[in-house]
């Protein structure tokens, strides 16, 4: 069953990518047939897949809503590396509070490696335990000082 859902999502994603960007992706990979509750709260159906596209040396990530035949592309945020280079990372809200606010946000790079994690309270304030890989090392959030430190 999951294989069929994955394959339907991949094919639909490829078609929707072509109609959205005017070019067929070079490669398509379904990352997971599991989608997060936060995505569902934003109107994406549970009959969805998380997906990744490669096109013209660029990586795109998003969600294909199979039920509603829609493609939601997630925009990356930029993260500074120790070399001075900036890499794109994509954020996924992996847990939510009862009020619908994000509780845990994971930042993954193009290779699905975690590059950071935010823990948030019900008002959206960053909590202790949040971390980032910054300039080649992990730094942690200290809310009492309002700073990132190793």
N, C-alpha and C. Protein backbone atom coordinates (compact mmCIF):
# COMPACT_ATOMS: atom_id res chain seq x y z
N UNK A 1 0.82 -1.20 0.00
CA UNK A 1 0.00 0.00 0.00
C UNK A 1 0.86 1.26 0.00
N UNK A 2 1.87 1.31 0.90
CA UNK A 2 2.74 2.48 0.96
C UNK A 2 3.53 2.65 -0.34
N UNK A 3 3.93 1.53 -0.96
CA UNK A 3 4.67 1.61 -2.21
C UNK A 3 3.81 2.26 -3.28
N UNK A 4 2.53 1.89 -3.35
CA UNK A 4 1.62 2.48 -4.34
C UNK A 4 1.45 3.98 -4.09
N UNK A 5 1.30 4.36 -2.84
CA UNK A 5 1.16 5.77 -2.49
C UNK A 5 2.42 6.53 -2.89
N UNK A 6 3.56 5.94 -2.61
CA UNK A 6 4.84 6.56 -2.95
C UNK A 6 4.96 6.75 -4.46
N UNK A 7 4.62 5.73 -5.21
CA UNK A 7 4.73 5.81 -6.67
C UNK A 7 3.73 6.81 -7.26
N UNK A 8 2.50 6.82 -6.75
CA UNK A 8 1.51 7.81 -7.21
C UNK A 8 2.00 9.23 -6.91
N UNK A 9 2.54 9.42 -5.72
CA UNK A 9 3.06 10.73 -5.33
C UNK A 9 4.23 11.17 -6.19
N UNK A 10 5.12 10.22 -6.51
CA UNK A 10 6.28 10.53 -7.35
C UNK A 10 5.84 10.96 -8.75
N UNK A 11 4.95 10.19 -9.35
CA UNK A 11 4.48 10.51 -10.71
C UNK A 11 3.72 11.83 -10.74
N UNK A 12 2.82 12.03 -9.78
CA UNK A 12 2.06 13.28 -9.72
C UNK A 12 3.00 14.44 -9.46
N UNK A 13 3.96 14.25 -8.56
CA UNK A 13 4.94 15.30 -8.27
C UNK A 13 5.72 15.71 -9.49
N UNK A 14 6.14 14.74 -10.27
CA UNK A 14 6.88 15.03 -11.50
C UNK A 14 6.03 15.87 -12.47
N UNK A 15 4.76 15.49 -12.64
CA UNK A 15 3.86 16.24 -13.52
C UNK A 15 3.60 17.65 -12.99
N UNK A 16 3.37 17.77 -11.69
CA UNK A 16 3.09 19.09 -11.11
C UNK A 16 4.33 19.99 -11.15
N UNK A 17 5.51 19.41 -10.99
CA UNK A 17 6.76 20.17 -11.08
C UNK A 17 6.90 20.74 -12.49
N UNK A 18 6.64 19.90 -13.49
CA UNK A 18 6.71 20.34 -14.89
C UNK A 18 5.74 21.48 -15.15
N UNK A 19 4.52 21.37 -14.67
CA UNK A 19 3.54 22.44 -14.91
C UNK A 19 3.88 23.71 -14.13
N UNK A 20 4.51 23.59 -12.97
CA UNK A 20 4.86 24.76 -12.15
C UNK A 20 6.10 25.48 -12.66
N UNK A 21 7.13 24.72 -13.06
CA UNK A 21 8.41 25.32 -13.44
C UNK A 21 8.70 25.28 -14.94
N UNK A 22 7.87 24.55 -15.70
CA UNK A 22 8.06 24.50 -17.14
C UNK A 22 9.20 23.61 -17.60
N UNK A 23 9.73 22.81 -16.71
CA UNK A 23 10.82 21.90 -17.04
C UNK A 23 10.64 20.61 -16.24
N UNK A 24 10.96 19.49 -16.88
CA UNK A 24 10.86 18.21 -16.19
C UNK A 24 12.06 18.07 -15.25
N UNK A 25 11.84 17.63 -14.01
CA UNK A 25 12.98 17.47 -13.09
C UNK A 25 13.93 16.38 -13.57
N UNK A 26 15.22 16.55 -13.26
CA UNK A 26 16.21 15.55 -13.64
C UNK A 26 16.04 14.28 -12.82
N UNK A 27 15.65 14.44 -11.56
CA UNK A 27 15.48 13.30 -10.66
C UNK A 27 14.40 13.64 -9.63
N UNK A 28 13.66 12.61 -9.21
CA UNK A 28 12.60 12.77 -8.21
C UNK A 28 12.76 11.66 -7.17
N UNK A 29 12.66 12.02 -5.89
CA UNK A 29 12.74 11.01 -4.83
C UNK A 29 11.68 11.30 -3.78
N UNK A 30 10.89 10.30 -3.46
CA UNK A 30 9.93 10.42 -2.36
C UNK A 30 10.71 10.21 -1.06
N UNK A 31 10.70 11.21 -0.20
CA UNK A 31 11.42 11.13 1.08
C UNK A 31 10.65 10.30 2.09
N UNK A 32 9.31 10.45 2.08
CA UNK A 32 8.49 9.73 3.05
C UNK A 32 7.02 9.82 2.64
N UNK A 33 6.28 8.77 2.97
CA UNK A 33 4.82 8.82 2.77
C UNK A 33 4.15 9.39 4.02
N UNK A 34 4.96 9.69 5.04
CA UNK A 34 4.46 10.30 6.27
C UNK A 34 4.57 11.81 6.15
N UNK A 35 3.49 12.51 6.44
CA UNK A 35 3.53 13.97 6.48
C UNK A 35 3.18 14.42 7.89
N UNK A 36 3.69 15.58 8.25
CA UNK A 36 3.56 16.07 9.62
C UNK A 36 2.20 16.73 9.88
N UNK A 37 1.78 16.68 11.14
CA UNK A 37 0.51 17.28 11.55
C UNK A 37 0.45 18.76 11.19
N UNK A 38 1.58 19.46 11.30
CA UNK A 38 1.61 20.89 10.98
C UNK A 38 1.21 21.13 9.52
N UNK A 39 1.66 20.25 8.62
CA UNK A 39 1.27 20.35 7.21
C UNK A 39 -0.24 20.16 7.07
N UNK A 40 -0.80 19.24 7.83
CA UNK A 40 -2.25 19.00 7.77
C UNK A 40 -3.02 20.21 8.29
N UNK A 41 -2.48 20.86 9.32
CA UNK A 41 -3.14 22.06 9.86
C UNK A 41 -3.13 23.20 8.84
N UNK A 42 -2.19 23.16 7.90
CA UNK A 42 -2.11 24.19 6.85
C UNK A 42 -2.97 23.83 5.64
N UNK A 43 -3.73 22.73 5.73
CA UNK A 43 -4.66 22.39 4.66
C UNK A 43 -4.19 21.30 3.72
N UNK A 44 -3.04 20.71 3.98
CA UNK A 44 -2.53 19.62 3.14
C UNK A 44 -3.16 18.32 3.64
N UNK A 45 -3.70 17.53 2.72
CA UNK A 45 -4.39 16.30 3.13
C UNK A 45 -3.40 15.26 3.68
N UNK A 46 -3.93 14.28 4.38
CA UNK A 46 -3.09 13.20 4.91
C UNK A 46 -2.63 12.26 3.80
N UNK A 47 -3.30 12.30 2.66
CA UNK A 47 -2.90 11.50 1.51
C UNK A 47 -1.85 12.28 0.72
N UNK A 48 -0.67 12.41 1.33
CA UNK A 48 0.41 13.23 0.76
C UNK A 48 1.74 12.52 0.95
N UNK A 49 2.75 12.97 0.20
CA UNK A 49 4.11 12.47 0.36
C UNK A 49 5.07 13.64 0.42
N UNK A 50 6.15 13.47 1.20
CA UNK A 50 7.23 14.45 1.20
C UNK A 50 8.17 14.06 0.06
N UNK A 51 8.61 15.04 -0.71
CA UNK A 51 9.30 14.75 -1.96
C UNK A 51 10.48 15.69 -2.18
N UNK A 52 11.42 15.24 -3.01
CA UNK A 52 12.62 16.02 -3.33
C UNK A 52 12.85 15.94 -4.83
N UNK A 53 13.18 17.08 -5.44
CA UNK A 53 13.45 17.16 -6.87
C UNK A 53 14.85 17.71 -7.10
N UNK A 54 15.49 17.25 -8.16
CA UNK A 54 16.72 17.85 -8.64
C UNK A 54 16.43 18.36 -10.04
N UNK A 55 16.77 19.60 -10.30
CA UNK A 55 16.55 20.18 -11.62
C UNK A 55 17.57 21.27 -11.87
N UNK A 56 18.29 21.15 -12.96
CA UNK A 56 19.27 22.15 -13.37
C UNK A 56 20.22 22.50 -12.22
N UNK A 57 20.78 21.46 -11.59
CA UNK A 57 21.75 21.59 -10.50
C UNK A 57 21.21 22.29 -9.25
N UNK A 58 19.90 22.27 -9.08
CA UNK A 58 19.28 22.86 -7.91
C UNK A 58 18.38 21.81 -7.25
N UNK A 59 18.28 21.88 -5.92
CA UNK A 59 17.44 20.95 -5.16
C UNK A 59 16.18 21.67 -4.70
N UNK A 60 15.06 21.00 -4.84
CA UNK A 60 13.77 21.50 -4.36
C UNK A 60 13.18 20.44 -3.44
N UNK A 61 12.53 20.88 -2.37
CA UNK A 61 11.82 19.95 -1.48
C UNK A 61 10.41 20.46 -1.28
N UNK A 62 9.51 19.52 -1.02
CA UNK A 62 8.15 19.94 -0.79
C UNK A 62 7.24 18.78 -0.43
N UNK A 63 5.95 19.02 -0.60
CA UNK A 63 4.92 18.03 -0.30
C UNK A 63 4.00 17.95 -1.50
N UNK A 64 3.71 16.72 -1.93
CA UNK A 64 2.71 16.49 -2.97
C UNK A 64 1.45 16.01 -2.29
N UNK A 65 0.39 16.78 -2.43
CA UNK A 65 -0.92 16.42 -1.90
C UNK A 65 -1.62 15.61 -2.98
N UNK A 66 -1.63 14.30 -2.83
CA UNK A 66 -2.18 13.41 -3.85
C UNK A 66 -3.69 13.62 -3.98
N UNK A 67 -4.35 13.76 -2.85
CA UNK A 67 -5.81 13.91 -2.85
C UNK A 67 -6.26 15.16 -3.61
N UNK A 68 -5.58 16.28 -3.38
CA UNK A 68 -5.98 17.55 -4.01
C UNK A 68 -5.15 17.92 -5.23
N UNK A 69 -4.21 17.03 -5.60
CA UNK A 69 -3.35 17.22 -6.78
C UNK A 69 -2.64 18.58 -6.75
N UNK A 70 -1.93 18.82 -5.63
CA UNK A 70 -1.20 20.09 -5.45
C UNK A 70 0.23 19.81 -5.03
N UNK A 71 1.11 20.69 -5.45
CA UNK A 71 2.51 20.63 -5.07
C UNK A 71 2.84 21.85 -4.23
N UNK A 72 3.35 21.62 -3.04
CA UNK A 72 3.77 22.69 -2.14
C UNK A 72 5.29 22.64 -2.05
N UNK A 73 5.97 23.62 -2.64
CA UNK A 73 7.43 23.69 -2.58
C UNK A 73 7.82 24.46 -1.32
N UNK A 74 8.74 23.89 -0.55
CA UNK A 74 9.24 24.56 0.66
C UNK A 74 10.48 25.36 0.29
N UNK A 75 10.48 26.61 0.67
CA UNK A 75 11.62 27.48 0.38
C UNK A 75 12.71 27.23 1.42
N UNK A 76 13.96 27.11 0.97
CA UNK A 76 15.05 26.92 1.93
C UNK A 76 15.42 28.22 2.63
N UNK A 77 16.02 28.08 3.81
CA UNK A 77 16.64 29.22 4.49
C UNK A 77 18.14 28.99 4.37
N UNK A 78 18.94 30.04 4.50
CA UNK A 78 20.38 29.92 4.32
C UNK A 78 21.09 29.82 5.66
N UNK A 79 22.07 28.92 5.74
CA UNK A 79 22.84 28.69 6.96
C UNK A 79 24.31 28.91 6.65
N UNK A 80 24.99 29.71 7.47
CA UNK A 80 26.41 30.01 7.30
C UNK A 80 27.27 28.84 7.77
N UNK A 81 28.23 28.43 6.93
CA UNK A 81 29.15 27.35 7.27
C UNK A 81 30.49 27.92 7.72
N UNK A 82 31.34 27.07 8.32
CA UNK A 82 32.63 27.54 8.83
C UNK A 82 33.55 28.05 7.73
N UNK A 83 33.35 27.60 6.49
CA UNK A 83 34.18 28.04 5.37
C UNK A 83 33.78 29.42 4.88
N UNK A 84 32.69 29.94 5.41
CA UNK A 84 32.17 31.22 4.93
C UNK A 84 31.10 31.03 3.88
N UNK A 85 30.95 29.78 3.41
CA UNK A 85 29.90 29.47 2.44
C UNK A 85 28.55 29.45 3.13
N UNK A 86 27.53 29.62 2.34
CA UNK A 86 26.16 29.56 2.84
C UNK A 86 25.48 28.38 2.15
N UNK A 87 24.79 27.53 2.93
CA UNK A 87 24.08 26.40 2.33
C UNK A 87 22.59 26.52 2.60
N UNK A 88 21.78 26.00 1.67
CA UNK A 88 20.33 26.00 1.91
C UNK A 88 19.95 24.86 2.86
N UNK A 89 19.04 25.14 3.77
CA UNK A 89 18.46 24.12 4.64
C UNK A 89 16.94 24.30 4.60
N UNK A 90 16.25 23.19 4.77
CA UNK A 90 14.78 23.22 4.74
C UNK A 90 14.27 22.90 6.13
N UNK A 91 13.24 23.64 6.54
CA UNK A 91 12.71 23.40 7.88
C UNK A 91 11.40 22.63 7.81
N UNK A 92 11.29 21.68 8.73
CA UNK A 92 10.08 20.89 8.89
C UNK A 92 9.61 21.03 10.33
N UNK A 93 8.35 21.37 10.50
CA UNK A 93 7.75 21.41 11.83
C UNK A 93 7.33 19.98 12.14
N UNK A 94 8.06 19.33 13.05
CA UNK A 94 7.84 17.91 13.32
C UNK A 94 6.94 17.64 14.53
N UNK A 95 6.65 18.68 15.30
CA UNK A 95 5.73 18.54 16.44
C UNK A 95 5.04 19.88 16.67
N UNK A 96 3.78 19.81 17.12
CA UNK A 96 3.02 21.04 17.37
C UNK A 96 2.41 21.01 18.77
N UNK A 97 2.18 22.20 19.31
CA UNK A 97 1.47 22.33 20.58
C UNK A 97 -0.03 22.16 20.33
N UNK A 98 -0.80 22.02 21.37
CA UNK A 98 -2.26 21.88 21.24
C UNK A 98 -2.90 23.07 20.54
N UNK A 99 -2.28 24.25 20.67
CA UNK A 99 -2.84 25.45 20.03
C UNK A 99 -2.43 25.57 18.56
N UNK A 100 -1.69 24.58 18.03
CA UNK A 100 -1.30 24.58 16.63
C UNK A 100 0.04 25.24 16.35
N UNK A 101 0.63 25.86 17.36
CA UNK A 101 1.94 26.51 17.18
C UNK A 101 3.04 25.44 17.09
N UNK A 102 4.08 25.71 16.29
CA UNK A 102 5.19 24.76 16.21
C UNK A 102 5.83 24.52 17.58
N UNK A 103 6.16 23.26 17.83
CA UNK A 103 6.81 22.87 19.08
C UNK A 103 8.27 22.48 18.82
N UNK A 104 8.49 21.76 17.70
CA UNK A 104 9.84 21.34 17.32
C UNK A 104 10.00 21.55 15.82
N UNK A 105 11.10 22.21 15.44
CA UNK A 105 11.40 22.48 14.03
C UNK A 105 12.77 21.90 13.73
N UNK A 106 12.86 21.06 12.69
CA UNK A 106 14.13 20.45 12.29
C UNK A 106 14.58 21.09 10.99
N UNK A 107 15.88 21.43 10.90
CA UNK A 107 16.47 22.01 9.70
C UNK A 107 17.39 20.97 9.07
N UNK A 108 17.06 20.52 7.85
CA UNK A 108 17.86 19.52 7.14
C UNK A 108 18.48 20.12 5.89
N UNK A 109 19.70 19.64 5.55
CA UNK A 109 20.34 20.11 4.33
C UNK A 109 19.85 19.31 3.13
N UNK A 110 20.46 19.52 1.97
CA UNK A 110 20.03 18.85 0.75
C UNK A 110 20.21 17.34 0.82
N UNK A 111 21.12 16.87 1.69
CA UNK A 111 21.37 15.44 1.84
C UNK A 111 20.61 14.83 3.02
N UNK A 112 19.64 15.56 3.56
CA UNK A 112 18.79 15.13 4.67
C UNK A 112 19.55 15.00 5.99
N UNK A 113 20.70 15.66 6.11
CA UNK A 113 21.43 15.69 7.38
C UNK A 113 20.89 16.83 8.23
N UNK A 114 20.63 16.57 9.51
CA UNK A 114 20.15 17.66 10.38
C UNK A 114 21.24 18.70 10.60
N UNK A 115 20.87 19.98 10.44
CA UNK A 115 21.80 21.09 10.64
C UNK A 115 21.37 21.99 11.79
N UNK A 116 20.22 21.67 12.39
CA UNK A 116 19.74 22.45 13.51
C UNK A 116 18.38 21.97 13.96
N UNK A 117 18.01 22.37 15.19
CA UNK A 117 16.69 22.02 15.72
C UNK A 117 16.25 23.11 16.68
N UNK A 118 15.02 23.55 16.50
CA UNK A 118 14.43 24.55 17.40
C UNK A 118 13.37 23.88 18.25
N UNK A 119 13.38 24.21 19.53
CA UNK A 119 12.31 23.83 20.45
C UNK A 119 11.63 25.14 20.84
N UNK A 120 10.31 25.19 20.68
CA UNK A 120 9.57 26.43 20.90
C UNK A 120 8.47 26.22 21.94
N UNK A 121 8.17 27.29 22.69
CA UNK A 121 7.05 27.21 23.62
C UNK A 121 5.76 27.55 22.87
N UNK A 122 4.64 27.58 23.57
CA UNK A 122 3.33 27.79 22.92
C UNK A 122 3.17 29.17 22.31
N UNK A 123 4.02 30.12 22.69
CA UNK A 123 3.98 31.46 22.09
C UNK A 123 4.97 31.59 20.93
N UNK A 124 5.78 30.55 20.69
CA UNK A 124 6.76 30.59 19.61
C UNK A 124 8.13 31.08 20.03
N UNK A 125 8.38 31.18 21.33
CA UNK A 125 9.68 31.62 21.84
C UNK A 125 10.64 30.44 21.88
N UNK A 126 11.86 30.68 21.40
CA UNK A 126 12.91 29.66 21.38
C UNK A 126 13.25 29.21 22.79
N UNK A 127 13.36 27.88 22.99
CA UNK A 127 13.65 27.32 24.31
C UNK A 127 15.05 26.72 24.36
N UNK A 128 15.50 26.49 25.58
CA UNK A 128 16.78 25.84 25.82
C UNK A 128 16.76 24.45 25.18
N UNK A 129 17.89 24.02 24.64
CA UNK A 129 17.98 22.74 23.96
C UNK A 129 18.03 22.91 22.45
N UNK A 130 17.62 24.07 21.96
CA UNK A 130 17.70 24.35 20.53
C UNK A 130 19.17 24.40 20.14
N UNK A 131 19.50 23.93 18.94
CA UNK A 131 20.89 23.92 18.51
C UNK A 131 21.01 24.18 17.02
N UNK A 132 22.22 24.57 16.60
CA UNK A 132 22.57 24.80 15.19
C UNK A 132 24.00 24.33 14.97
N UNK A 133 24.28 23.92 13.77
CA UNK A 133 25.68 23.75 13.37
C UNK A 133 26.07 25.06 12.73
N UNK A 134 26.96 25.77 13.36
CA UNK A 134 27.36 27.10 12.90
C UNK A 134 28.87 27.14 12.78
N UNK A 135 29.34 27.47 11.60
CA UNK A 135 30.78 27.54 11.34
C UNK A 135 31.49 26.26 11.77
N UNK A 136 30.86 25.11 11.46
CA UNK A 136 31.49 23.82 11.69
C UNK A 136 31.35 23.23 13.07
N UNK A 137 30.64 23.88 13.97
CA UNK A 137 30.46 23.32 15.31
C UNK A 137 29.02 23.56 15.77
N UNK A 138 28.64 22.80 16.78
CA UNK A 138 27.28 22.96 17.31
C UNK A 138 27.24 24.06 18.35
N UNK A 139 26.25 24.91 18.21
CA UNK A 139 26.01 25.95 19.21
C UNK A 139 24.59 25.75 19.75
N UNK A 140 24.40 26.11 21.01
CA UNK A 140 23.12 25.89 21.68
C UNK A 140 22.53 27.22 22.14
N UNK A 141 21.20 27.27 22.20
CA UNK A 141 20.49 28.48 22.61
C UNK A 141 20.38 28.53 24.13
N UNK A 142 20.77 29.68 24.69
CA UNK A 142 20.64 29.93 26.12
C UNK A 142 19.65 31.07 26.31
N UNK A 143 18.38 30.73 26.62
CA UNK A 143 17.34 31.76 26.68
C UNK A 143 17.57 32.81 27.76
N UNK A 144 18.20 32.42 28.86
CA UNK A 144 18.42 33.41 29.92
C UNK A 144 19.36 34.53 29.48
N UNK A 145 20.30 34.20 28.56
CA UNK A 145 21.23 35.21 28.03
C UNK A 145 20.82 35.71 26.65
N UNK A 146 19.88 34.98 26.01
CA UNK A 146 19.43 35.29 24.65
C UNK A 146 20.59 35.22 23.65
N UNK A 147 21.44 34.17 23.76
CA UNK A 147 22.58 34.00 22.86
C UNK A 147 22.76 32.53 22.48
N UNK A 148 23.45 32.33 21.33
CA UNK A 148 23.88 31.01 20.89
C UNK A 148 25.32 30.84 21.36
N UNK A 149 25.63 29.73 22.04
CA UNK A 149 26.99 29.47 22.51
C UNK A 149 27.33 28.00 22.33
N UNK A 150 28.65 27.70 22.19
CA UNK A 150 29.07 26.29 22.05
C UNK A 150 28.82 25.49 23.32
